[in-house]
Amino acid sequence: MRYIIFNTFVVLLILEIIVYFILQINLLVLKTKNERLRKLLLNNIKEFCKPGSSYEKICKIYLEKINEI
């Protein structure tokens, strides 16, 4: 039983790390001058970061960084 719980925790941690790095890459793309790409990315972020999302904490930090750009 402990093995299953530990594996579940590890998988969820890995998924959260992957999402974090994807969001970091998106921040780099947002700094580009390509306006069409920026609009597309912002629409995707709004879709991903809806209220009640399981990644709400990450989204809150991410949206604050977007406002700084």
PDB file of N, CA and C in Angstrom:
ATOM      1  N   MET A   1       0.825  -1.196   0.000  1.00  0.00           N
ATOM      2  CA  MET A   1       0.000   0.000   0.000  1.00  0.00           C
ATOM      3  C   MET A   1       0.872   1.265   0.000  1.00  0.00           C
ATOM      4  N   ARG A   2       1.931   1.241   0.802  1.00  0.00           N
ATOM      5  CA  ARG A   2       2.821   2.403   0.839  1.00  0.00           C
ATOM      6  C   ARG A   2       3.453   2.648  -0.519  1.00  0.00           C
ATOM      7  N   TYR A   3       3.760   1.571  -1.206  1.00  0.00           N
ATOM      8  CA  TYR A   3       4.393   1.658  -2.519  1.00  0.00           C
ATOM      9  C   TYR A   3       3.486   2.385  -3.510  1.00  0.00           C
ATOM     10  N   ILE A   4       2.196   2.078  -3.485  1.00  0.00           N
ATOM     11  CA  ILE A   4       1.232   2.715  -4.384  1.00  0.00           C
ATOM     12  C   ILE A   4       1.109   4.204  -4.060  1.00  0.00           C
ATOM     13  N   ILE A   5       1.026   4.534  -2.782  1.00  0.00           N
ATOM     14  CA  ILE A   5       0.908   5.935  -2.378  1.00  0.00           C
ATOM     15  C   ILE A   5       2.158   6.710  -2.782  1.00  0.00           C
ATOM     16  N   PHE A   6       3.333   6.129  -2.558  1.00  0.00           N
ATOM     17  CA  PHE A   6       4.584   6.793  -2.920  1.00  0.00           C
ATOM     18  C   PHE A   6       4.666   7.007  -4.423  1.00  0.00           C
ATOM     19  N   ASN A   7       4.319   5.988  -5.210  1.00  0.00           N
ATOM     20  CA  ASN A   7       4.362   6.118  -6.668  1.00  0.00           C
ATOM     21  C   ASN A   7       3.397   7.188  -7.159  1.00  0.00           C
ATOM     22  N   THR A   8       2.222   7.246  -6.583  1.00  0.00           N
ATOM     23  CA  THR A   8       1.248   8.269  -6.962  1.00  0.00           C
ATOM     24  C   THR A   8       1.801   9.660  -6.677  1.00  0.00           C
ATOM     25  N   PHE A   9       2.408   9.821  -5.513  1.00  0.00           N
ATOM     26  CA  PHE A   9       2.998  11.108  -5.150  1.00  0.00           C
ATOM     27  C   PHE A   9       4.103  11.497  -6.125  1.00  0.00           C
ATOM     28  N   VAL A  10       4.960  10.555  -6.471  1.00  0.00           N
ATOM     29  CA  VAL A  10       6.071  10.830  -7.389  1.00  0.00           C
ATOM     30  C   VAL A  10       5.547  11.221  -8.768  1.00  0.00           C
ATOM     31  N   VAL A  11       4.551  10.515  -9.264  1.00  0.00           N
ATOM     32  CA  VAL A  11       3.983  10.821 -10.580  1.00  0.00           C
ATOM     33  C   VAL A  11       3.362  12.215 -10.583  1.00  0.00           C
ATOM     34  N   LEU A  12       2.616  12.549  -9.544  1.00  0.00           N
ATOM     35  CA  LEU A  12       2.006  13.880  -9.466  1.00  0.00           C
ATOM     36  C   LEU A  12       3.067  14.973  -9.373  1.00  0.00           C
ATOM     37  N   LEU A  13       4.128  14.708  -8.641  1.00  0.00           N
ATOM     38  CA  LEU A  13       5.216  15.679  -8.537  1.00  0.00           C
ATOM     39  C   LEU A  13       5.889  15.892  -9.887  1.00  0.00           C
ATOM     40  N   ILE A  14       6.131  14.822 -10.603  1.00  0.00           N
ATOM     41  CA  ILE A  14       6.745  14.921 -11.930  1.00  0.00           C
ATOM     42  C   ILE A  14       5.841  15.695 -12.885  1.00  0.00           C
ATOM     43  N   LEU A  15       4.540  15.430 -12.851  1.00  0.00           N
ATOM     44  CA  LEU A  15       3.605  16.155 -13.719  1.00  0.00           C
ATOM     45  C   LEU A  15       3.592  17.646 -13.397  1.00  0.00           C
ATOM     46  N   GLU A  16       3.646  17.975 -12.108  1.00  0.00           N
ATOM     47  CA  GLU A  16       3.654  19.388 -11.733  1.00  0.00           C
ATOM     48  C   GLU A  16       4.939  20.070 -12.191  1.00  0.00           C
ATOM     49  N   ILE A  17       6.056  19.385 -12.114  1.00  0.00           N
ATOM     50  CA  ILE A  17       7.326  19.938 -12.590  1.00  0.00           C
ATOM     51  C   ILE A  17       7.278  20.163 -14.097  1.00  0.00           C
ATOM     52  N   ILE A  18       6.699  19.224 -14.832  1.00  0.00           N
ATOM     53  CA  ILE A  18       6.576  19.369 -16.286  1.00  0.00           C
ATOM     54  C   ILE A  18       5.726  20.586 -16.629  1.00  0.00           C
ATOM     55  N   VAL A  19       4.599  20.744 -15.950  1.00  0.00           N
ATOM     56  CA  VAL A  19       3.725  21.898 -16.195  1.00  0.00           C
ATOM     57  C   VAL A  19       4.465  23.192 -15.880  1.00  0.00           C
ATOM     58  N   TYR A  20       5.235  23.206 -14.799  1.00  0.00           N
ATOM     59  CA  TYR A  20       6.001  24.401 -14.437  1.00  0.00           C
ATOM     60  C   TYR A  20       6.972  24.786 -15.548  1.00  0.00           C
ATOM     61  N   PHE A  21       7.690  23.810 -16.098  1.00  0.00           N
ATOM     62  CA  PHE A  21       8.648  24.120 -17.156  1.00  0.00           C
ATOM     63  C   PHE A  21       7.957  24.555 -18.446  1.00  0.00           C
ATOM     64  N   ILE A  22       6.809  23.981 -18.735  1.00  0.00           N
ATOM     65  CA  ILE A  22       6.051  24.422 -19.910  1.00  0.00           C
ATOM     66  C   ILE A  22       5.646  25.886 -19.740  1.00  0.00           C
ATOM     67  N   LEU A  23       5.208  26.246 -18.549  1.00  0.00           N
ATOM     68  CA  LEU A  23       4.820  27.632 -18.299  1.00  0.00           C
ATOM     69  C   LEU A  23       6.023  28.567 -18.378  1.00  0.00           C
ATOM     70  N   GLN A  24       7.188  28.118 -17.934  1.00  0.00           N
ATOM     71  CA  GLN A  24       8.396  28.945 -18.039  1.00  0.00           C
ATOM     72  C   GLN A  24       8.774  29.177 -19.499  1.00  0.00           C
ATOM     73  N   ILE A  25       8.654  28.151 -20.313  1.00  0.00           N
ATOM     74  CA  ILE A  25       8.937  28.291 -21.747  1.00  0.00           C
ATOM     75  C   ILE A  25       7.953  29.274 -22.372  1.00  0.00           C
ATOM     76  N   ASN A  26       6.695  29.190 -21.960  1.00  0.00           N
ATOM     77  CA  ASN A  26       5.693  30.123 -22.475  1.00  0.00           C
ATOM     78  C   ASN A  26       6.027  31.564 -22.105  1.00  0.00           C
ATOM     79  N   LEU A  27       6.569  31.779 -20.915  1.00  0.00           N
ATOM     80  CA  LEU A  27       6.976  33.134 -20.529  1.00  0.00           C
ATOM     81  C   LEU A  27       8.063  33.657 -21.451  1.00  0.00           C
ATOM     82  N   LEU A  28       8.986  32.804 -21.832  1.00  0.00           N
ATOM     83  CA  LEU A  28      10.034  33.216 -22.766  1.00  0.00           C
ATOM     84  C   LEU A  28       9.445  33.590 -24.119  1.00  0.00           C
ATOM     85  N   VAL A  29       8.457  32.813 -24.563  1.00  0.00           N
ATOM     86  CA  VAL A  29       7.815  33.093 -25.848  1.00  0.00           C
ATOM     87  C   VAL A  29       7.059  34.420 -25.782  1.00  0.00           C
ATOM     88  N   LEU A  30       6.463  34.712 -24.626  1.00  0.00           N
ATOM     89  CA  LEU A  30       5.714  35.967 -24.485  1.00  0.00           C
ATOM     90  C   LEU A  30       6.607  37.187 -24.628  1.00  0.00           C
ATOM     91  N   LYS A  31       7.882  37.031 -24.382  1.00  0.00           N
ATOM     92  CA  LYS A  31       8.804  38.159 -24.504  1.00  0.00           C
ATOM     93  C   LYS A  31       9.204  38.426 -25.950  1.00  0.00           C
ATOM     94  N   THR A  32       8.763  37.576 -26.865  1.00  0.00           N
ATOM     95  CA  THR A  32       9.109  37.778 -28.270  1.00  0.00           C
ATOM     96  C   THR A  32       8.295  38.929 -28.852  1.00  0.00           C
ATOM     97  N   LYS A  33       8.682  39.358 -30.018  1.00  0.00           N
ATOM     98  CA  LYS A  33       8.006  40.480 -30.678  1.00  0.00           C
ATOM     99  C   LYS A  33       6.850  40.035 -31.570  1.00  0.00           C
ATOM    100  N   ASN A  34       6.701  38.726 -31.777  1.00  0.00           N
ATOM    101  CA  ASN A  34       5.667  38.203 -32.657  1.00  0.00           C
ATOM    102  C   ASN A  34       4.294  38.351 -31.985  1.00  0.00           C
ATOM    103  N   GLU A  35       3.527  39.334 -32.409  1.00  0.00           N
ATOM    104  CA  GLU A  35       2.243  39.652 -31.781  1.00  0.00           C
ATOM    105  C   GLU A  35       1.216  38.528 -31.955  1.00  0.00           C
ATOM    106  N   ARG A  36       1.202  37.912 -33.110  1.00  0.00           N
ATOM    107  CA  ARG A  36       0.235  36.829 -33.371  1.00  0.00           C
ATOM    108  C   ARG A  36       0.490  35.645 -32.435  1.00  0.00           C
ATOM    109  N   LEU A  37       1.750  35.302 -32.258  1.00  0.00           N
ATOM    110  CA  LEU A  37       2.120  34.202 -31.366  1.00  0.00           C
ATOM    111  C   LEU A  37       1.781  34.538 -29.920  1.00  0.00           C
ATOM    112  N   ARG A  38       2.008  35.780 -29.528  1.00  0.00           N
ATOM    113  CA  ARG A  38       1.689  36.203 -28.161  1.00  0.00           C
ATOM    114  C   ARG A  38       0.191  36.096 -27.883  1.00  0.00           C
ATOM    115  N   LYS A  39      -0.645  36.546 -28.833  1.00  0.00           N
ATOM    116  CA  LYS A  39      -2.099  36.478 -28.639  1.00  0.00           C
ATOM    117  C   LYS A  39      -2.576  35.036 -28.519  1.00  0.00           C
ATOM    118  N   LEU A  40      -2.048  34.174 -29.366  1.00  0.00           N
ATOM    119  CA  LEU A  40      -2.416  32.759 -29.319  1.00  0.00           C
ATOM    120  C   LEU A  40      -2.034  32.151 -27.975  1.00  0.00           C
ATOM    121  N   LEU A  41      -0.848  32.468 -27.515  1.00  0.00           N
ATOM    122  CA  LEU A  41      -0.371  31.931 -26.246  1.00  0.00           C
ATOM    123  C   LEU A  41      -1.188  32.454 -25.070  1.00  0.00           C
ATOM    124  N   LEU A  42      -1.519  33.731 -25.088  1.00  0.00           N
ATOM    125  CA  LEU A  42      -2.328  34.300 -24.008  1.00  0.00           C
ATOM    126  C   LEU A  42      -3.714  33.663 -23.950  1.00  0.00           C
ATOM    127  N   ASN A  43      -4.304  33.379 -25.101  1.00  0.00           N
ATOM    128  CA  ASN A  43      -5.604  32.699 -25.120  1.00  0.00           C
ATOM    129  C   ASN A  43      -5.493  31.301 -24.530  1.00  0.00           C
ATOM    130  N   ASN A  44      -4.413  30.600 -24.843  1.00  0.00           N
ATOM    131  CA  ASN A  44      -4.213  29.264 -24.287  1.00  0.00           C
ATOM    132  C   ASN A  44      -4.012  29.315 -22.777  1.00  0.00           C
ATOM    133  N   ILE A  45      -3.302  30.333 -22.317  1.00  0.00           N
ATOM    134  CA  ILE A  45      -3.067  30.474 -20.877  1.00  0.00           C
ATOM    135  C   ILE A  45      -4.380  30.741 -20.154  1.00  0.00           C
ATOM    136  N   LYS A  46      -5.217  31.607 -20.709  1.00  0.00           N
ATOM    137  CA  LYS A  46      -6.508  31.902 -20.084  1.00  0.00           C
ATOM    138  C   LYS A  46      -7.366  30.645 -20.005  1.00  0.00           C
ATOM    139  N   GLU A  47      -7.308  29.814 -21.035  1.00  0.00           N
ATOM    140  CA  GLU A  47      -8.070  28.565 -21.043  1.00  0.00           C
ATOM    141  C   GLU A  47      -7.535  27.602 -19.980  1.00  0.00           C
ATOM    142  N   PHE A  48      -6.223  27.536 -19.857  1.00  0.00           N
ATOM    143  CA  PHE A  48      -5.580  26.611 -18.921  1.00  0.00           C
ATOM    144  C   PHE A  48      -5.773  27.043 -17.476  1.00  0.00           C
ATOM    145  N   CYS A  49      -5.793  28.339 -17.228  1.00  0.00           N
ATOM    146  CA  CYS A  49      -5.810  28.873 -15.865  1.00  0.00           C
ATOM    147  C   CYS A  49      -7.198  29.317 -15.424  1.00  0.00           C
ATOM    148  N   LYS A  50      -8.212  28.584 -15.798  1.00  0.00           N
ATOM    149  CA  LYS A  50      -9.565  28.919 -15.364  1.00  0.00           C
ATOM    150  C   LYS A  50      -9.677  28.733 -13.853  1.00  0.00           C
ATOM    151  N   PRO A  51     -10.565  29.501 -13.202  1.00  0.00           N
ATOM    152  CA  PRO A  51     -10.766  29.322 -11.756  1.00  0.00           C
ATOM    153  C   PRO A  51     -11.203  27.891 -11.450  1.00  0.00           C
ATOM    154  N   GLY A  52     -10.668  27.347 -10.387  1.00  0.00           N
ATOM    155  CA  GLY A  52     -10.977  25.980 -10.009  1.00  0.00           C
ATOM    156  C   GLY A  52     -10.049  24.961 -10.627  1.00  0.00           C
ATOM    157  N   SER A  53      -9.077  25.431 -11.395  1.00  0.00           N
ATOM    158  CA  SER A  53      -8.103  24.539 -12.021  1.00  0.00           C
ATOM    159  C   SER A  53      -7.229  23.910 -10.944  1.00  0.00           C
ATOM    160  N   SER A  54      -6.738  22.705 -11.217  1.00  0.00           N
ATOM    161  CA  SER A  54      -5.870  22.036 -10.251  1.00  0.00           C
ATOM    162  C   SER A  54      -4.509  22.718 -10.160  1.00  0.00           C
ATOM    163  N   TYR A  55      -4.203  23.559 -11.121  1.00  0.00           N
ATOM    164  CA  TYR A  55      -2.930  24.284 -11.123  1.00  0.00           C
ATOM    165  C   TYR A  55      -3.133  25.754 -10.768  1.00  0.00           C
ATOM    166  N   GLU A  56      -4.096  26.013  -9.917  1.00  0.00           N
ATOM    167  CA  GLU A  56      -4.473  27.396  -9.618  1.00  0.00           C
ATOM    168  C   GLU A  56      -3.327  28.197  -8.988  1.00  0.00           C
ATOM    169  N   LYS A  57      -2.536  27.571  -8.098  1.00  0.00           N
ATOM    170  CA  LYS A  57      -1.418  28.293  -7.469  1.00  0.00           C
ATOM    171  C   LYS A  57      -0.370  28.688  -8.497  1.00  0.00           C
ATOM    172  N   ILE A  58      -0.025  27.743  -9.367  1.00  0.00           N
ATOM    173  CA  ILE A  58       0.972  28.024 -10.401  1.00  0.00           C
ATOM    174  C   ILE A  58       0.439  29.100 -11.341  1.00  0.00           C
ATOM    175  N   CYS A  59      -0.832  28.998 -11.700  1.00  0.00           N
ATOM    176  CA  CYS A  59      -1.435  29.965 -12.618  1.00  0.00           C
ATOM    177  C   CYS A  59      -1.426  31.372 -12.033  1.00  0.00           C
ATOM    178  N   LYS A  60      -1.675  31.485 -10.732  1.00  0.00           N
ATOM    179  CA  LYS A  60      -1.694  32.800 -10.098  1.00  0.00           C
ATOM    180  C   LYS A  60      -0.320  33.460 -10.215  1.00  0.00           C
ATOM    181  N   ILE A  61       0.730  32.721  -9.906  1.00  0.00           N
ATOM    182  CA  ILE A  61       2.096  33.244 -10.020  1.00  0.00           C
ATOM    183  C   ILE A  61       2.406  33.576 -11.472  1.00  0.00           C
ATOM    184  N   TYR A  62       1.994  32.693 -12.355  1.00  0.00           N
ATOM    185  CA  TYR A  62       2.265  32.849 -13.785  1.00  0.00           C
ATOM    186  C   TYR A  62       1.593  34.094 -14.347  1.00  0.00           C
ATOM    187  N   LEU A  63       0.336  34.301 -13.989  1.00  0.00           N
ATOM    188  CA  LEU A  63      -0.389  35.472 -14.485  1.00  0.00           C
ATOM    189  C   LEU A  63       0.199  36.772 -13.930  1.00  0.00           C
ATOM    190  N   GLU A  64       0.719  36.740 -12.695  1.00  0.00           N
ATOM    191  CA  GLU A  64       1.396  37.918 -12.150  1.00  0.00           C
ATOM    192  C   GLU A  64       2.645  38.239 -12.964  1.00  0.00           C
ATOM    193  N   LYS A  65       3.391  37.219 -13.360  1.00  0.00           N
ATOM    194  CA  LYS A  65       4.598  37.435 -14.163  1.00  0.00           C
ATOM    195  C   LYS A  65       4.238  37.973 -15.541  1.00  0.00           C
ATOM    196  N   ILE A  66       3.132  37.510 -16.096  1.00  0.00           N
ATOM    197  CA  ILE A  66       2.693  38.003 -17.405  1.00  0.00           C
ATOM    198  C   ILE A  66       2.370  39.490 -17.313  1.00  0.00           C
ATOM    199  N   ASN A  67       1.743  39.896 -16.224  1.00  0.00           N
ATOM    200  CA  ASN A  67       1.407  41.312 -16.056  1.00  0.00           C
ATOM    201  C   ASN A  67       2.653  42.179 -15.946  1.00  0.00           C
ATOM    202  N   GLU A  68       3.759  41.608 -15.463  1.00  0.00           N
ATOM    203  CA  GLU A  68       5.020  42.356 -15.375  1.00  0.00           C
ATOM    204  C   GLU A  68       5.619  42.606 -16.755  1.00  0.00           C
ATOM    205  N   ILE A  69       5.366  41.702 -17.707  1.00  0.00           N
ATOM    206  CA  ILE A  69       5.984  41.791 -19.042  1.00  0.00           C
ATOM    207  C   ILE A  69       5.411  42.920 -19.836  1.00  0.00           C
TER     208      ILE A  69
END
